[in-house]
Amino acid sequence: MQKTKLIQIFGRVQNVGFRFATVQKANELNIKGFVKNMPDKSVYIEAQGTDLELEHFLLWCKTGPDWANVSNIVVNEVLATDFLSFTRK
């Protein structure tokens, strides 16, 4: 069963390739949705997948790519959305 998570990631997560790396990880884990930079310097993700796929994706989001420094992550679950792929906005 597909679930959708709203994820907001704080720390040094912009201008470090976070969105690019997120797209790669999402595609590797079969996650659908999107990632975008926010005006408050956080990164926002809507991710759809199975429980196991999302569990692995969230673990990765807690650290991100090597050059990022994640200080906090906020996750909320919402009704599933039918995403066709994972994109960068």
PDB file of N, CA and C in Angstrom:
ATOM      1  N   MET A   1       0.832  -1.176   0.000  1.00  0.00           N
ATOM      2  CA  MET A   1       0.000   0.000   0.000  1.00  0.00           C
ATOM      3  C   MET A   1       0.886   1.252   0.000  1.00  0.00           C
ATOM      4  N   GLN A   2       0.557   2.189  -0.842  1.00  0.00           N
ATOM      5  CA  GLN A   2       1.324   3.424  -0.980  1.00  0.00           C
ATOM      6  C   GLN A   2       0.913   4.429   0.096  1.00  0.00           C
ATOM      7  N   LYS A   3       1.916   5.114   0.641  1.00  0.00           N
ATOM      8  CA  LYS A   3       1.692   6.189   1.600  1.00  0.00           C
ATOM      9  C   LYS A   3       2.450   7.413   1.123  1.00  0.00           C
ATOM     10  N   THR A   4       2.024   8.582   1.588  1.00  0.00           N
ATOM     11  CA  THR A   4       2.703   9.824   1.234  1.00  0.00           C
ATOM     12  C   THR A   4       3.166  10.520   2.501  1.00  0.00           C
ATOM     13  N   LYS A   5       4.428  10.929   2.515  1.00  0.00           N
ATOM     14  CA  LYS A   5       5.019  11.650   3.643  1.00  0.00           C
ATOM     15  C   LYS A   5       5.429  13.040   3.190  1.00  0.00           C
ATOM     16  N   LEU A   6       5.140  14.022   4.038  1.00  0.00           N
ATOM     17  CA  LEU A   6       5.619  15.388   3.844  1.00  0.00           C
ATOM     18  C   LEU A   6       6.830  15.536   4.749  1.00  0.00           C
ATOM     19  N   ILE A   7       7.965  15.890   4.177  1.00  0.00           N
ATOM     20  CA  ILE A   7       9.226  15.914   4.911  1.00  0.00           C
ATOM     21  C   ILE A   7       9.848  17.300   4.764  1.00  0.00           C
ATOM     22  N   GLN A   8      10.207  17.904   5.886  1.00  0.00           N
ATOM     23  CA  GLN A   8      10.930  19.174   5.827  1.00  0.00           C
ATOM     24  C   GLN A   8      12.248  18.980   6.558  1.00  0.00           C
ATOM     25  N   ILE A   9      13.329  19.340   5.881  1.00  0.00           N
ATOM     26  CA  ILE A   9      14.676  19.088   6.381  1.00  0.00           C
ATOM     27  C   ILE A   9      15.380  20.423   6.602  1.00  0.00           C
ATOM     28  N   PHE A  10      15.946  20.572   7.800  1.00  0.00           N
ATOM     29  CA  PHE A  10      16.614  21.807   8.202  1.00  0.00           C
ATOM     30  C   PHE A  10      18.106  21.559   8.426  1.00  0.00           C
ATOM     31  N   GLY A  11      18.877  22.612   8.341  1.00  0.00           N
ATOM     32  CA  GLY A  11      20.320  22.541   8.525  1.00  0.00           C
ATOM     33  C   GLY A  11      21.018  23.136   7.322  1.00  0.00           C
ATOM     34  N   ARG A  12      22.245  22.692   7.054  1.00  0.00           N
ATOM     35  CA  ARG A  12      22.945  23.122   5.838  1.00  0.00           C
ATOM     36  C   ARG A  12      22.522  22.162   4.734  1.00  0.00           C
ATOM     37  N   VAL A  13      21.388  22.496   4.097  1.00  0.00           N
ATOM     38  CA  VAL A  13      20.795  21.579   3.112  1.00  0.00           C
ATOM     39  C   VAL A  13      20.550  22.243   1.758  1.00  0.00           C
ATOM     40  N   GLN A  14      20.870  23.530   1.634  1.00  0.00           N
ATOM     41  CA  GLN A  14      20.782  24.193   0.337  1.00  0.00           C
ATOM     42  C   GLN A  14      22.186  24.533  -0.137  1.00  0.00           C
ATOM     43  N   ASN A  15      22.349  24.548  -1.454  1.00  0.00           N
ATOM     44  CA  ASN A  15      23.646  24.826  -2.089  1.00  0.00           C
ATOM     45  C   ASN A  15      24.691  23.766  -1.771  1.00  0.00           C
ATOM     46  N   VAL A  16      24.235  22.553  -1.504  1.00  0.00           N
ATOM     47  CA  VAL A  16      25.150  21.430  -1.242  1.00  0.00           C
ATOM     48  C   VAL A  16      24.773  20.208  -2.083  1.00  0.00           C
ATOM     49  N   GLY A  17      23.887  20.395  -3.069  1.00  0.00           N
ATOM     50  CA  GLY A  17      23.473  19.277  -3.918  1.00  0.00           C
ATOM     51  C   GLY A  17      22.425  18.371  -3.292  1.00  0.00           C
ATOM     52  N   PHE A  18      21.737  18.859  -2.272  1.00  0.00           N
ATOM     53  CA  PHE A  18      20.769  18.020  -1.573  1.00  0.00           C
ATOM     54  C   PHE A  18      19.638  17.567  -2.491  1.00  0.00           C
ATOM     55  N   ARG A  19      19.087  18.483  -3.279  1.00  0.00           N
ATOM     56  CA  ARG A  19      17.979  18.106  -4.163  1.00  0.00           C
ATOM     57  C   ARG A  19      18.428  17.085  -5.202  1.00  0.00           C
ATOM     58  N   PHE A  20      19.576  17.303  -5.792  1.00  0.00           N
ATOM     59  CA  PHE A  20      20.104  16.370  -6.785  1.00  0.00           C
ATOM     60  C   PHE A  20      20.270  14.981  -6.180  1.00  0.00           C
ATOM     61  N   ALA A  21      20.888  14.907  -4.999  1.00  0.00           N
ATOM     62  CA  ALA A  21      21.106  13.626  -4.328  1.00  0.00           C
ATOM     63  C   ALA A  21      19.780  12.985  -3.909  1.00  0.00           C
ATOM     64  N   THR A  22      18.799  13.814  -3.543  1.00  0.00           N
ATOM     65  CA  THR A  22      17.488  13.302  -3.149  1.00  0.00           C
ATOM     66  C   THR A  22      16.801  12.628  -4.329  1.00  0.00           C
ATOM     67  N   VAL A  23      16.885  13.237  -5.496  1.00  0.00           N
ATOM     68  CA  VAL A  23      16.290  12.622  -6.699  1.00  0.00           C
ATOM     69  C   VAL A  23      16.950  11.274  -6.976  1.00  0.00           C
ATOM     70  N   GLN A  24      18.258  11.209  -6.871  1.00  0.00           N
ATOM     71  CA  GLN A  24      18.965   9.945  -7.104  1.00  0.00           C
ATOM     72  C   GLN A  24      18.528   8.875  -6.109  1.00  0.00           C
ATOM     73  N   LYS A  25      18.465   9.229  -4.816  1.00  0.00           N
ATOM     74  CA  LYS A  25      18.085   8.263  -3.783  1.00  0.00           C
ATOM     75  C   LYS A  25      16.632   7.835  -3.962  1.00  0.00           C
ATOM     76  N   ALA A  26      15.762   8.774  -4.267  1.00  0.00           N
ATOM     77  CA  ALA A  26      14.348   8.451  -4.471  1.00  0.00           C
ATOM     78  C   ALA A  26      14.178   7.472  -5.633  1.00  0.00           C
ATOM     79  N   ASN A  27      14.875   7.720  -6.725  1.00  0.00           N
ATOM     80  CA  ASN A  27      14.778   6.814  -7.872  1.00  0.00           C
ATOM     81  C   ASN A  27      15.334   5.436  -7.530  1.00  0.00           C
ATOM     82  N   GLU A  28      16.406   5.396  -6.755  1.00  0.00           N
ATOM     83  CA  GLU A  28      16.998   4.124  -6.321  1.00  0.00           C
ATOM     84  C   GLU A  28      16.017   3.319  -5.466  1.00  0.00           C
ATOM     85  N   LEU A  29      15.223   4.017  -4.645  1.00  0.00           N
ATOM     86  CA  LEU A  29      14.299   3.347  -3.726  1.00  0.00           C
ATOM     87  C   LEU A  29      12.868   3.253  -4.247  1.00  0.00           C
ATOM     88  N   ASN A  30      12.639   3.667  -5.493  1.00  0.00           N
ATOM     89  CA  ASN A  30      11.314   3.626  -6.101  1.00  0.00           C
ATOM     90  C   ASN A  30      10.327   4.579  -5.418  1.00  0.00           C
ATOM     91  N   ILE A  31      10.821   5.697  -4.918  1.00  0.00           N
ATOM     92  CA  ILE A  31       9.994   6.726  -4.292  1.00  0.00           C
ATOM     93  C   ILE A  31       9.513   7.691  -5.369  1.00  0.00           C
ATOM     94  N   LYS A  32       8.268   8.079  -5.301  1.00  0.00           N
ATOM     95  CA  LYS A  32       7.695   9.069  -6.222  1.00  0.00           C
ATOM     96  C   LYS A  32       7.440  10.352  -5.452  1.00  0.00           C
ATOM     97  N   GLY A  33       7.374  11.489  -6.142  1.00  0.00           N
ATOM     98  CA  GLY A  33       7.080  12.767  -5.500  1.00  0.00           C
ATOM     99  C   GLY A  33       7.962  13.878  -6.011  1.00  0.00           C
ATOM    100  N   PHE A  34       8.368  14.783  -5.119  1.00  0.00           N
ATOM    101  CA  PHE A  34       9.216  15.890  -5.529  1.00  0.00           C
ATOM    102  C   PHE A  34       9.997  16.435  -4.344  1.00  0.00           C
ATOM    103  N   VAL A  35      11.019  17.213  -4.655  1.00  0.00           N
ATOM    104  CA  VAL A  35      11.840  17.909  -3.664  1.00  0.00           C
ATOM    105  C   VAL A  35      12.023  19.342  -4.140  1.00  0.00           C
ATOM    106  N   LYS A  36      12.011  20.298  -3.191  1.00  0.00           N
ATOM    107  CA  LYS A  36      12.262  21.692  -3.572  1.00  0.00           C
ATOM    108  C   LYS A  36      12.874  22.447  -2.401  1.00  0.00           C
ATOM    109  N   ASN A  37      13.630  23.501  -2.727  1.00  0.00           N
ATOM    110  CA  ASN A  37      14.179  24.405  -1.726  1.00  0.00           C
ATOM    111  C   ASN A  37      13.086  25.348  -1.263  1.00  0.00           C
ATOM    112  N   MET A  38      13.130  25.698   0.026  1.00  0.00           N
ATOM    113  CA  MET A  38      12.157  26.615   0.595  1.00  0.00           C
ATOM    114  C   MET A  38      12.843  27.944   0.943  1.00  0.00           C
ATOM    115  N   PRO A  39      12.065  29.040   1.001  1.00  0.00           N
ATOM    116  CA  PRO A  39      12.648  30.345   1.321  1.00  0.00           C
ATOM    117  C   PRO A  39      13.350  30.390   2.684  1.00  0.00           C
ATOM    118  N   ASP A  40      12.946  29.544   3.630  1.00  0.00           N
ATOM    119  CA  ASP A  40      13.566  29.546   4.959  1.00  0.00           C
ATOM    120  C   ASP A  40      14.854  28.724   5.005  1.00  0.00           C
ATOM    121  N   LYS A  41      15.379  28.354   3.834  1.00  0.00           N
ATOM    122  CA  LYS A  41      16.632  27.594   3.679  1.00  0.00           C
ATOM    123  C   LYS A  41      16.499  26.106   3.994  1.00  0.00           C
ATOM    124  N   SER A  42      15.270  25.630   4.184  1.00  0.00           N
ATOM    125  CA  SER A  42      15.049  24.194   4.381  1.00  0.00           C
ATOM    126  C   SER A  42      14.806  23.542   3.022  1.00  0.00           C
ATOM    127  N   VAL A  43      14.709  22.232   3.028  1.00  0.00           N
ATOM    128  CA  VAL A  43      14.340  21.463   1.843  1.00  0.00           C
ATOM    129  C   VAL A  43      13.028  20.763   2.158  1.00  0.00           C
ATOM    130  N   TYR A  44      12.083  20.847   1.222  1.00  0.00           N
ATOM    131  CA  TYR A  44      10.760  20.246   1.383  1.00  0.00           C
ATOM    132  C   TYR A  44      10.610  19.092   0.401  1.00  0.00           C
ATOM    133  N   ILE A  45      10.102  17.959   0.899  1.00  0.00           N
ATOM    134  CA  ILE A  45       9.924  16.766   0.068  1.00  0.00           C
ATOM    135  C   ILE A  45       8.526  16.214   0.269  1.00  0.00           C
ATOM    136  N   GLU A  46       7.870  15.845  -0.813  1.00  0.00           N
ATOM    137  CA  GLU A  46       6.676  15.015  -0.752  1.00  0.00           C
ATOM    138  C   GLU A  46       7.086  13.690  -1.365  1.00  0.00           C
ATOM    139  N   ALA A  47       6.994  12.627  -0.569  1.00  0.00           N
ATOM    140  CA  ALA A  47       7.488  11.316  -0.981  1.00  0.00           C
ATOM    141  C   ALA A  47       6.392  10.268  -0.843  1.00  0.00           C
ATOM    142  N   GLN A  48       6.231   9.473  -1.894  1.00  0.00           N
ATOM    143  CA  GLN A  48       5.229   8.403  -1.893  1.00  0.00           C
ATOM    144  C   GLN A  48       5.907   7.074  -2.138  1.00  0.00           C
ATOM    145  N   GLY A  49       5.536   6.081  -1.342  1.00  0.00           N
ATOM    146  CA  GLY A  49       6.082   4.742  -1.504  1.00  0.00           C
ATOM    147  C   GLY A  49       5.464   3.794  -0.494  1.00  0.00           C
ATOM    148  N   THR A  50       5.990   2.583  -0.450  1.00  0.00           N
ATOM    149  CA  THR A  50       5.536   1.613   0.539  1.00  0.00           C
ATOM    150  C   THR A  50       6.174   1.943   1.886  1.00  0.00           C
ATOM    151  N   ASP A  51       5.696   1.304   2.937  1.00  0.00           N
ATOM    152  CA  ASP A  51       6.283   1.527   4.269  1.00  0.00           C
ATOM    153  C   ASP A  51       7.786   1.293   4.261  1.00  0.00           C
ATOM    154  N   LEU A  52       8.220   0.187   3.671  1.00  0.00           N
ATOM    155  CA  LEU A  52       9.646  -0.152   3.662  1.00  0.00           C
ATOM    156  C   LEU A  52      10.456   0.849   2.840  1.00  0.00           C
ATOM    157  N   GLU A  53       9.949   1.219   1.662  1.00  0.00           N
ATOM    158  CA  GLU A  53      10.648   2.206   0.829  1.00  0.00           C
ATOM    159  C   GLU A  53      10.783   3.540   1.562  1.00  0.00           C
ATOM    160  N   LEU A  54       9.694   3.981   2.191  1.00  0.00           N
ATOM    161  CA  LEU A  54       9.723   5.248   2.911  1.00  0.00           C
ATOM    162  C   LEU A  54      10.626   5.186   4.138  1.00  0.00           C
ATOM    163  N   GLU A  55      10.661   4.049   4.800  1.00  0.00           N
ATOM    164  CA  GLU A  55      11.540   3.888   5.956  1.00  0.00           C
ATOM    165  C   GLU A  55      12.997   4.087   5.553  1.00  0.00           C
ATOM    166  N   HIS A  56      13.400   3.441   4.459  1.00  0.00           N
ATOM    167  CA  HIS A  56      14.781   3.583   3.973  1.00  0.00           C
ATOM    168  C   HIS A  56      15.054   5.015   3.505  1.00  0.00           C
ATOM    169  N   PHE A  57      14.087   5.631   2.831  1.00  0.00           N
ATOM    170  CA  PHE A  57      14.244   6.994   2.339  1.00  0.00           C
ATOM    171  C   PHE A  57      14.393   7.979   3.507  1.00  0.00           C
ATOM    172  N   LEU A  58      13.563   7.824   4.535  1.00  0.00           N
ATOM    173  CA  LEU A  58      13.639   8.718   5.697  1.00  0.00           C
ATOM    174  C   LEU A  58      14.963   8.567   6.439  1.00  0.00           C
ATOM    175  N   LEU A  59      15.481   7.355   6.522  1.00  0.00           N
ATOM    176  CA  LEU A  59      16.797   7.153   7.140  1.00  0.00           C
ATOM    177  C   LEU A  59      17.861   7.944   6.393  1.00  0.00           C
ATOM    178  N   TRP A  60      17.802   7.898   5.056  1.00  0.00           N
ATOM    179  CA  TRP A  60      18.755   8.644   4.249  1.00  0.00           C
ATOM    180  C   TRP A  60      18.573  10.152   4.452  1.00  0.00           C
ATOM    181  N   CYS A  61      17.318  10.614   4.513  1.00  0.00           N
ATOM    182  CA  CYS A  61      17.031  12.040   4.666  1.00  0.00           C
ATOM    183  C   CYS A  61      17.603  12.603   5.964  1.00  0.00           C
ATOM    184  N   LYS A  62      17.744  11.783   6.973  1.00  0.00           N
ATOM    185  CA  LYS A  62      18.257  12.253   8.270  1.00  0.00           C
ATOM    186  C   LYS A  62      19.727  12.672   8.198  1.00  0.00           C
ATOM    187  N   THR A  63      20.436  12.219   7.174  1.00  0.00           N
ATOM    188  CA  THR A  63      21.827  12.636   6.981  1.00  0.00           C
ATOM    189  C   THR A  63      22.032  13.305   5.634  1.00  0.00           C
ATOM    190  N   GLY A  64      21.318  12.865   4.610  1.00  0.00           N
ATOM    191  CA  GLY A  64      21.454  13.436   3.282  1.00  0.00           C
ATOM    192  C   GLY A  64      22.797  13.099   2.665  1.00  0.00           C
ATOM    193  N   PRO A  65      23.197  13.848   1.641  1.00  0.00           N
ATOM    194  CA  PRO A  65      24.500  13.610   1.014  1.00  0.00           C
ATOM    195  C   PRO A  65      25.632  14.007   1.955  1.00  0.00           C
ATOM    196  N   ASP A  66      26.829  13.536   1.651  1.00  0.00           N
ATOM    197  CA  ASP A  66      27.983  13.748   2.530  1.00  0.00           C
ATOM    198  C   ASP A  66      28.241  15.214   2.875  1.00  0.00           C
ATOM    199  N   TRP A  67      28.016  16.108   1.955  1.00  0.00           N
ATOM    200  CA  TRP A  67      28.364  17.518   2.146  1.00  0.00           C
ATOM    201  C   TRP A  67      27.264  18.313   2.858  1.00  0.00           C
ATOM    202  N   ALA A  68      26.124  17.678   3.183  1.00  0.00           N
ATOM    203  CA  ALA A  68      25.042  18.347   3.910  1.00  0.00           C
ATOM    204  C   ALA A  68      25.230  18.158   5.417  1.00  0.00           C
ATOM    205  N   ASN A  69      24.537  18.984   6.185  1.00  0.00           N
ATOM    206  CA  ASN A  69      24.539  18.851   7.639  1.00  0.00           C
ATOM    207  C   ASN A  69      23.098  19.030   8.116  1.00  0.00           C
ATOM    208  N   VAL A  70      22.385  17.926   8.301  1.00  0.00           N
ATOM    209  CA  VAL A  70      20.982  17.958   8.708  1.00  0.00           C
ATOM    210  C   VAL A  70      20.912  18.170  10.217  1.00  0.00           C
ATOM    211  N   SER A  71      20.178  19.209  10.631  1.00  0.00           N
ATOM    212  CA  SER A  71      20.022  19.476  12.058  1.00  0.00           C
ATOM    213  C   SER A  71      18.663  19.039  12.589  1.00  0.00           C
ATOM    214  N   ASN A  72      17.651  18.986  11.724  1.00  0.00           N
ATOM    215  CA  ASN A  72      16.312  18.594  12.151  1.00  0.00           C
ATOM    216  C   ASN A  72      15.511  18.131  10.943  1.00  0.00           C
ATOM    217  N   ILE A  73      14.582  17.204  11.196  1.00  0.00           N
ATOM    218  CA  ILE A  73      13.699  16.715  10.149  1.00  0.00           C
ATOM    219  C   ILE A  73      12.298  16.581  10.736  1.00  0.00           C
ATOM    220  N   VAL A  74      11.309  17.093  10.006  1.00  0.00           N
ATOM    221  CA  VAL A  74       9.908  17.022  10.437  1.00  0.00           C
ATOM    222  C   VAL A  74       9.162  16.209   9.388  1.00  0.00           C
ATOM    223  N   VAL A  75       8.431  15.184   9.853  1.00  0.00           N
ATOM    224  CA  VAL A  75       7.731  14.275   8.938  1.00  0.00           C
ATOM    225  C   VAL A  75       6.264  14.204   9.327  1.00  0.00           C
ATOM    226  N   ASN A  76       5.399  14.346   8.333  1.00  0.00           N
ATOM    227  CA  ASN A  76       3.958  14.174   8.517  1.00  0.00           C
ATOM    228  C   ASN A  76       3.436  13.250   7.434  1.00  0.00           C
ATOM    229  N   GLU A  77       2.440  12.444   7.771  1.00  0.00           N
ATOM    230  CA  GLU A  77       1.821  11.566   6.775  1.00  0.00           C
ATOM    231  C   GLU A  77       0.490  12.170   6.354  1.00  0.00           C
ATOM    232  N   VAL A  78       0.206  12.104   5.055  1.00  0.00           N
ATOM    233  CA  VAL A  78      -1.049  12.606   4.504  1.00  0.00           C
ATOM    234  C   VAL A  78      -1.661  11.521   3.629  1.00  0.00           C
ATOM    235  N   LEU A  79      -2.860  11.764   3.141  1.00  0.00           N
ATOM    236  CA  LEU A  79      -3.480  10.820   2.221  1.00  0.00           C
ATOM    237  C   LEU A  79      -2.599  10.644   0.994  1.00  0.00           C
ATOM    238  N   ALA A  80      -2.544   9.445   0.486  1.00  0.00           N
ATOM    239  CA  ALA A  80      -1.674   9.134  -0.651  1.00  0.00           C
ATOM    240  C   ALA A  80      -2.020   9.996  -1.859  1.00  0.00           C
ATOM    241  N   THR A  81      -0.979  10.415  -2.554  1.00  0.00           N
ATOM    242  CA  THR A  81      -1.091  11.167  -3.796  1.00  0.00           C
ATOM    243  C   THR A  81      -0.537  10.279  -4.910  1.00  0.00           C
ATOM    244  N   ASP A  82      -1.104  10.361  -6.096  1.00  0.00           N
ATOM    245  CA  ASP A  82      -0.615   9.539  -7.200  1.00  0.00           C
ATOM    246  C   ASP A  82       0.460  10.264  -7.992  1.00  0.00           C
ATOM    247  N   PHE A  83       1.702  10.181  -7.513  1.00  0.00           N
ATOM    248  CA  PHE A  83       2.825  10.725  -8.245  1.00  0.00           C
ATOM    249  C   PHE A  83       3.272   9.698  -9.282  1.00  0.00           C
ATOM    250  N   LEU A  84       3.741  10.171 -10.421  1.00  0.00           N
ATOM    251  CA  LEU A  84       4.199   9.276 -11.479  1.00  0.00           C
ATOM    252  C   LEU A  84       5.704   9.079 -11.468  1.00  0.00           C
ATOM    253  N   SER A  85       6.433  10.027 -10.863  1.00  0.00           N
ATOM    254  CA  SER A  85       7.893   9.958 -10.825  1.00  0.00           C
ATOM    255  C   SER A  85       8.378  10.815  -9.661  1.00  0.00           C
ATOM    256  N   PHE A  86       9.699  10.991  -9.546  1.00  0.00           N
ATOM    257  CA  PHE A  86      10.260  11.878  -8.545  1.00  0.00           C
ATOM    258  C   PHE A  86      10.987  12.985  -9.277  1.00  0.00           C
ATOM    259  N   THR A  87      10.662  14.238  -8.926  1.00  0.00           N
ATOM    260  CA  THR A  87      11.248  15.374  -9.636  1.00  0.00           C
ATOM    261  C   THR A  87      11.817  16.406  -8.677  1.00  0.00           C
ATOM    262  N   ARG A  88      12.585  17.295  -9.249  1.00  0.00           N
ATOM    263  CA  ARG A  88      13.164  18.432  -8.550  1.00  0.00           C
ATOM    264  C   ARG A  88      12.422  19.674  -8.996  1.00  0.00           C
ATOM    265  N   LYS A  89      12.035  20.529  -8.076  1.00  0.00           N
ATOM    266  CA  LYS A  89      11.343  21.768  -8.436  1.00  0.00           C
ATOM    267  C   LYS A  89      12.203  22.956  -8.113  1.00  0.00           C
TER     268      LYS A  89
END
